[in-house]
Amino acid sequence: MSNTNAFAIEVQGHSAGIVVADRGGYTFFVSDWAFRDLDRRVFRNVGQAERAAQQHFSRLAQNRRR
């Protein structure tokens, strides 16, 4: 059995990217350029990366409504 070291991050039906395990945490690689501010950022864990993507998406949605 192998360890999983990459996880897909999806926010409200949008593929934000993947996070890949590394020695220093999890590196975020975006698949949708709307999440570009998160590209190559390192997070302590997958949950932290998911929350960052959700918060980023919420900010984008708020800005579009203005």
PDB file of N, CA and C in Angstrom:
ATOM      1  N   MET A   1       0.843  -1.166   0.000  1.00  0.00           N
ATOM      2  CA  MET A   1       0.000   0.000   0.000  1.00  0.00           C
ATOM      3  C   MET A   1       0.893   1.235   0.000  1.00  0.00           C
ATOM      4  N   SER A   2       0.533   2.248  -0.793  1.00  0.00           N
ATOM      5  CA  SER A   2       1.352   3.456  -0.869  1.00  0.00           C
ATOM      6  C   SER A   2       0.670   4.602  -0.141  1.00  0.00           C
ATOM      7  N   ASN A   3       1.474   5.560   0.279  1.00  0.00           N
ATOM      8  CA  ASN A   3       0.943   6.759   0.918  1.00  0.00           C
ATOM      9  C   ASN A   3       0.503   7.741  -0.154  1.00  0.00           C
ATOM     10  N   THR A   4      -0.607   8.414   0.100  1.00  0.00           N
ATOM     11  CA  THR A   4      -1.076   9.442  -0.822  1.00  0.00           C
ATOM     12  C   THR A   4      -0.330  10.721  -0.511  1.00  0.00           C
ATOM     13  N   ASN A   5       0.241  11.335  -1.542  1.00  0.00           N
ATOM     14  CA  ASN A   5       0.966  12.576  -1.289  1.00  0.00           C
ATOM     15  C   ASN A   5       0.483  13.724  -2.164  1.00  0.00           C
ATOM     16  N   ALA A   6      -0.643  13.549  -2.845  1.00  0.00           N
ATOM     17  CA  ALA A   6      -1.239  14.625  -3.642  1.00  0.00           C
ATOM     18  C   ALA A   6      -2.754  14.573  -3.463  1.00  0.00           C
ATOM     19  N   PHE A   7      -3.342  15.759  -3.323  1.00  0.00           N
ATOM     20  CA  PHE A   7      -4.779  15.856  -3.094  1.00  0.00           C
ATOM     21  C   PHE A   7      -5.361  16.938  -3.985  1.00  0.00           C
ATOM     22  N   ALA A   8      -6.513  16.654  -4.586  1.00  0.00           N
ATOM     23  CA  ALA A   8      -7.221  17.645  -5.392  1.00  0.00           C
ATOM     24  C   ALA A   8      -8.008  18.562  -4.463  1.00  0.00           C
ATOM     25  N   ILE A   9      -8.014  19.844  -4.783  1.00  0.00           N
ATOM     26  CA  ILE A   9      -8.776  20.834  -4.019  1.00  0.00           C
ATOM     27  C   ILE A   9      -9.870  21.385  -4.932  1.00  0.00           C
ATOM     28  N   GLU A  10     -11.111  21.229  -4.492  1.00  0.00           N
ATOM     29  CA  GLU A  10     -12.255  21.711  -5.258  1.00  0.00           C
ATOM     30  C   GLU A  10     -13.073  22.632  -4.364  1.00  0.00           C
ATOM     31  N   VAL A  11     -13.528  23.752  -4.936  1.00  0.00           N
ATOM     32  CA  VAL A  11     -14.331  24.718  -4.184  1.00  0.00           C
ATOM     33  C   VAL A  11     -15.598  25.004  -4.970  1.00  0.00           C
ATOM     34  N   GLN A  12     -16.728  24.638  -4.405  1.00  0.00           N
ATOM     35  CA  GLN A  12     -18.031  24.867  -5.013  1.00  0.00           C
ATOM     36  C   GLN A  12     -18.070  24.478  -6.497  1.00  0.00           C
ATOM     37  N   GLY A  13     -17.569  23.297  -6.781  1.00  0.00           N
ATOM     38  CA  GLY A  13     -17.597  22.770  -8.138  1.00  0.00           C
ATOM     39  C   GLY A  13     -16.484  23.253  -9.044  1.00  0.00           C
ATOM     40  N   HIS A  14     -15.581  24.083  -8.520  1.00  0.00           N
ATOM     41  CA  HIS A  14     -14.449  24.588  -9.307  1.00  0.00           C
ATOM     42  C   HIS A  14     -13.173  23.870  -8.875  1.00  0.00           C
ATOM     43  N   SER A  15     -12.445  23.351  -9.827  1.00  0.00           N
ATOM     44  CA  SER A  15     -11.174  22.710  -9.530  1.00  0.00           C
ATOM     45  C   SER A  15     -10.139  23.799  -9.280  1.00  0.00           C
ATOM     46  N   ALA A  16      -9.766  23.981  -8.018  1.00  0.00           N
ATOM     47  CA  ALA A  16      -8.812  25.026  -7.656  1.00  0.00           C
ATOM     48  C   ALA A  16      -7.388  24.591  -7.963  1.00  0.00           C
ATOM     49  N   GLY A  17      -7.077  23.337  -7.684  1.00  0.00           N
ATOM     50  CA  GLY A  17      -5.725  22.843  -7.931  1.00  0.00           C
ATOM     51  C   GLY A  17      -5.460  21.580  -7.150  1.00  0.00           C
ATOM     52  N   ILE A  18      -4.177  21.293  -6.989  1.00  0.00           N
ATOM     53  CA  ILE A  18      -3.758  20.147  -6.192  1.00  0.00           C
ATOM     54  C   ILE A  18      -2.726  20.618  -5.180  1.00  0.00           C
ATOM     55  N   VAL A  19      -2.647  19.897  -4.081  1.00  0.00           N
ATOM     56  CA  VAL A  19      -1.576  20.116  -3.119  1.00  0.00           C
ATOM     57  C   VAL A  19      -0.742  18.848  -3.091  1.00  0.00           C
ATOM     58  N   VAL A  20       0.557  19.038  -3.053  1.00  0.00           N
ATOM     59  CA  VAL A  20       1.491  17.921  -3.095  1.00  0.00           C
ATOM     60  C   VAL A  20       2.356  17.966  -1.844  1.00  0.00           C
ATOM     61  N   ALA A  21       2.439  16.837  -1.157  1.00  0.00           N
ATOM     62  CA  ALA A  21       3.235  16.751   0.064  1.00  0.00           C
ATOM     63  C   ALA A  21       4.712  16.923  -0.247  1.00  0.00           C
ATOM     64  N   ASP A  22       5.366  17.671   0.621  1.00  0.00           N
ATOM     65  CA  ASP A  22       6.806  17.891   0.539  1.00  0.00           C
ATOM     66  C   ASP A  22       7.317  17.952   1.973  1.00  0.00           C
ATOM     67  N   ARG A  23       8.580  18.048   2.157  1.00  0.00           N
ATOM     68  CA  ARG A  23       9.143  18.064   3.507  1.00  0.00           C
ATOM     69  C   ARG A  23       8.614  19.217   4.359  1.00  0.00           C
ATOM     70  N   GLY A  24       8.404  20.368   3.736  1.00  0.00           N
ATOM     71  CA  GLY A  24       7.979  21.538   4.486  1.00  0.00           C
ATOM     72  C   GLY A  24       6.479  21.690   4.616  1.00  0.00           C
ATOM     73  N   GLY A  25       5.699  20.782   4.089  1.00  0.00           N
ATOM     74  CA  GLY A  25       4.247  20.875   4.144  1.00  0.00           C
ATOM     75  C   GLY A  25       3.632  20.429   2.834  1.00  0.00           C
ATOM     76  N   TYR A  26       2.645  21.176   2.367  1.00  0.00           N
ATOM     77  CA  TYR A  26       1.930  20.851   1.132  1.00  0.00           C
ATOM     78  C   TYR A  26       1.972  22.057   0.196  1.00  0.00           C
ATOM     79  N   THR A  27       2.498  21.868  -0.984  1.00  0.00           N
ATOM     80  CA  THR A  27       2.589  22.939  -1.973  1.00  0.00           C
ATOM     81  C   THR A  27       1.362  22.920  -2.863  1.00  0.00           C
ATOM     82  N   PHE A  28       0.762  24.103  -3.058  1.00  0.00           N
ATOM     83  CA  PHE A  28      -0.457  24.261  -3.851  1.00  0.00           C
ATOM     84  C   PHE A  28      -0.071  24.583  -5.292  1.00  0.00           C
ATOM     85  N   PHE A  29      -0.599  23.831  -6.229  1.00  0.00           N
ATOM     86  CA  PHE A  29      -0.416  24.093  -7.656  1.00  0.00           C
ATOM     87  C   PHE A  29      -1.804  24.324  -8.250  1.00  0.00           C
ATOM     88  N   VAL A  30      -2.045  25.531  -8.757  1.00  0.00           N
ATOM     89  CA  VAL A  30      -3.389  25.862  -9.231  1.00  0.00           C
ATOM     90  C   VAL A  30      -3.698  25.191 -10.558  1.00  0.00           C
ATOM     91  N   SER A  31      -4.976  24.872 -10.745  1.00  0.00           N
ATOM     92  CA  SER A  31      -5.445  24.360 -12.037  1.00  0.00           C
ATOM     93  C   SER A  31      -6.385  25.369 -12.679  1.00  0.00           C
ATOM     94  N   ASP A  32      -6.872  26.319 -11.889  1.00  0.00           N
ATOM     95  CA  ASP A  32      -7.731  27.398 -12.378  1.00  0.00           C
ATOM     96  C   ASP A  32      -7.023  28.698 -12.024  1.00  0.00           C
ATOM     97  N   TRP A  33      -6.727  29.484 -13.028  1.00  0.00           N
ATOM     98  CA  TRP A  33      -5.916  30.679 -12.816  1.00  0.00           C
ATOM     99  C   TRP A  33      -6.601  31.698 -11.901  1.00  0.00           C
ATOM    100  N   ALA A  34      -7.890  31.553 -11.647  1.00  0.00           N
ATOM    101  CA  ALA A  34      -8.587  32.423 -10.694  1.00  0.00           C
ATOM    102  C   ALA A  34      -7.992  32.264  -9.287  1.00  0.00           C
ATOM    103  N   PHE A  35      -7.338  31.139  -9.038  1.00  0.00           N
ATOM    104  CA  PHE A  35      -6.722  30.867  -7.744  1.00  0.00           C
ATOM    105  C   PHE A  35      -5.219  31.149  -7.755  1.00  0.00           C
ATOM    106  N   ARG A  36      -4.761  31.917  -8.721  1.00  0.00           N
ATOM    107  CA  ARG A  36      -3.323  32.139  -8.926  1.00  0.00           C
ATOM    108  C   ARG A  36      -2.591  32.682  -7.702  1.00  0.00           C
ATOM    109  N   ASP A  37      -3.293  33.399  -6.826  1.00  0.00           N
ATOM    110  CA  ASP A  37      -2.641  33.924  -5.622  1.00  0.00           C
ATOM    111  C   ASP A  37      -2.165  32.811  -4.693  1.00  0.00           C
ATOM    112  N   LEU A  38      -2.701  31.626  -4.870  1.00  0.00           N
ATOM    113  CA  LEU A  38      -2.312  30.488  -4.035  1.00  0.00           C
ATOM    114  C   LEU A  38      -1.228  29.630  -4.677  1.00  0.00           C
ATOM    115  N   ASP A  39      -0.902  29.903  -5.930  1.00  0.00           N
ATOM    116  CA  ASP A  39       0.044  29.060  -6.658  1.00  0.00           C
ATOM    117  C   ASP A  39       1.401  29.017  -5.970  1.00  0.00           C
ATOM    118  N   ARG A  40       1.857  27.813  -5.728  1.00  0.00           N
ATOM    119  CA  ARG A  40       3.154  27.508  -5.119  1.00  0.00           C
ATOM    120  C   ARG A  40       3.265  27.905  -3.646  1.00  0.00           C
ATOM    121  N   ARG A  41       2.157  28.287  -3.031  1.00  0.00           N
ATOM    122  CA  ARG A  41       2.186  28.550  -1.589  1.00  0.00           C
ATOM    123  C   ARG A  41       2.267  27.225  -0.852  1.00  0.00           C
ATOM    124  N   VAL A  42       2.947  27.246   0.278  1.00  0.00           N
ATOM    125  CA  VAL A  42       3.114  26.027   1.085  1.00  0.00           C
ATOM    126  C   VAL A  42       2.223  26.145   2.316  1.00  0.00           C
ATOM    127  N   PHE A  43       1.474  25.073   2.581  1.00  0.00           N
ATOM    128  CA  PHE A  43       0.567  25.007   3.720  1.00  0.00           C
ATOM    129  C   PHE A  43       1.002  23.886   4.653  1.00  0.00           C
ATOM    130  N   ARG A  44       0.665  24.011   5.923  1.00  0.00           N
ATOM    131  CA  ARG A  44       1.041  22.982   6.905  1.00  0.00           C
ATOM    132  C   ARG A  44       0.352  21.660   6.642  1.00  0.00           C
ATOM    133  N   ASN A  45      -0.908  21.733   6.174  1.00  0.00           N
ATOM    134  CA  ASN A  45      -1.672  20.504   5.945  1.00  0.00           C
ATOM    135  C   ASN A  45      -2.710  20.752   4.851  1.00  0.00           C
ATOM    136  N   VAL A  46      -3.372  19.702   4.433  1.00  0.00           N
ATOM    137  CA  VAL A  46      -4.358  19.785   3.351  1.00  0.00           C
ATOM    138  C   VAL A  46      -5.551  20.647   3.760  1.00  0.00           C
ATOM    139  N   GLY A  47      -5.990  20.513   4.998  1.00  0.00           N
ATOM    140  CA  GLY A  47      -7.123  21.301   5.477  1.00  0.00           C
ATOM    141  C   GLY A  47      -6.863  22.792   5.404  1.00  0.00           C
ATOM    142  N   GLN A  48      -5.658  23.196   5.742  1.00  0.00           N
ATOM    143  CA  GLN A  48      -5.307  24.611   5.668  1.00  0.00           C
ATOM    144  C   GLN A  48      -5.351  25.094   4.218  1.00  0.00           C
ATOM    145  N   ALA A  49      -4.890  24.282   3.291  1.00  0.00           N
ATOM    146  CA  ALA A  49      -4.928  24.645   1.868  1.00  0.00           C
ATOM    147  C   ALA A  49      -6.370  24.743   1.380  1.00  0.00           C
ATOM    148  N   GLU A  50      -7.231  23.813   1.809  1.00  0.00           N
ATOM    149  CA  GLU A  50      -8.644  23.862   1.434  1.00  0.00           C
ATOM    150  C   GLU A  50      -9.311  25.131   1.938  1.00  0.00           C
ATOM    151  N   ARG A  51      -9.050  25.478   3.196  1.00  0.00           N
ATOM    152  CA  ARG A  51      -9.642  26.694   3.768  1.00  0.00           C
ATOM    153  C   ARG A  51      -9.166  27.933   3.021  1.00  0.00           C
ATOM    154  N   ALA A  52      -7.900  27.985   2.669  1.00  0.00           N
ATOM    155  CA  ALA A  52      -7.368  29.127   1.924  1.00  0.00           C
ATOM    156  C   ALA A  52      -8.051  29.255   0.567  1.00  0.00           C
ATOM    157  N   ALA A  53      -8.277  28.132  -0.108  1.00  0.00           N
ATOM    158  CA  ALA A  53      -8.944  28.154  -1.410  1.00  0.00           C
ATOM    159  C   ALA A  53     -10.393  28.611  -1.261  1.00  0.00           C
ATOM    160  N   GLN A  54     -11.075  28.140  -0.227  1.00  0.00           N
ATOM    161  CA  GLN A  54     -12.457  28.551   0.006  1.00  0.00           C
ATOM    162  C   GLN A  54     -12.544  30.047   0.316  1.00  0.00           C
ATOM    163  N   GLN A  55     -11.648  30.538   1.150  1.00  0.00           N
ATOM    164  CA  GLN A  55     -11.630  31.964   1.484  1.00  0.00           C
ATOM    165  C   GLN A  55     -11.331  32.811   0.249  1.00  0.00           C
ATOM    166  N   HIS A  56     -10.394  32.346  -0.548  1.00  0.00           N
ATOM    167  CA  HIS A  56     -10.044  33.067  -1.776  1.00  0.00           C
ATOM    168  C   HIS A  56     -11.245  33.124  -2.721  1.00  0.00           C
ATOM    169  N   PHE A  57     -11.929  32.013  -2.877  1.00  0.00           N
ATOM    170  CA  PHE A  57     -13.100  31.968  -3.746  1.00  0.00           C
ATOM    171  C   PHE A  57     -14.195  32.900  -3.232  1.00  0.00           C
ATOM    172  N   SER A  58     -14.395  32.936  -1.920  1.00  0.00           N
ATOM    173  CA  SER A  58     -15.395  33.834  -1.329  1.00  0.00           C
ATOM    174  C   SER A  58     -15.063  35.292  -1.616  1.00  0.00           C
ATOM    175  N   ARG A  59     -13.793  35.659  -1.505  1.00  0.00           N
ATOM    176  CA  ARG A  59     -13.376  37.036  -1.813  1.00  0.00           C
ATOM    177  C   ARG A  59     -13.623  37.358  -3.279  1.00  0.00           C
ATOM    178  N   LEU A  60     -13.332  36.406  -4.164  1.00  0.00           N
ATOM    179  CA  LEU A  60     -13.580  36.627  -5.594  1.00  0.00           C
ATOM    180  C   LEU A  60     -15.063  36.856  -5.853  1.00  0.00           C
ATOM    181  N   ALA A  61     -15.903  36.052  -5.223  1.00  0.00           N
ATOM    182  CA  ALA A  61     -17.351  36.169  -5.417  1.00  0.00           C
ATOM    183  C   ALA A  61     -17.861  37.505  -4.889  1.00  0.00           C
ATOM    184  N   GLN A  62     -17.342  37.964  -3.765  1.00  0.00           N
ATOM    185  CA  GLN A  62     -17.739  39.259  -3.210  1.00  0.00           C
ATOM    186  C   GLN A  62     -17.342  40.399  -4.139  1.00  0.00           C
ATOM    187  N   ASN A  63     -16.156  40.321  -4.687  1.00  0.00           N
ATOM    188  CA  ASN A  63     -15.673  41.379  -5.592  1.00  0.00           C
ATOM    189  C   ASN A  63     -16.485  41.424  -6.880  1.00  0.00           C
ATOM    190  N   ARG A  64     -16.971  40.291  -7.340  1.00  0.00           N
ATOM    191  CA  ARG A  64     -17.770  40.248  -8.561  1.00  0.00           C
ATOM    192  C   ARG A  64     -19.145  40.874  -8.357  1.00  0.00           C
ATOM    193  N   ARG A  65     -19.651  40.807  -7.125  1.00  0.00           N
ATOM    194  CA  ARG A  65     -20.975  41.354  -6.827  1.00  0.00           C
ATOM    195  C   ARG A  65     -20.960  42.873  -6.746  1.00  0.00           C
ATOM    196  N   ARG A  66     -19.822  43.470  -6.582  1.00  0.00           N
ATOM    197  CA  ARG A  66     -19.746  44.940  -6.419  1.00  0.00           C
ATOM    198  C   ARG A  66     -19.851  45.650  -7.713  1.00  0.00           C
TER     199      ARG A  66
END
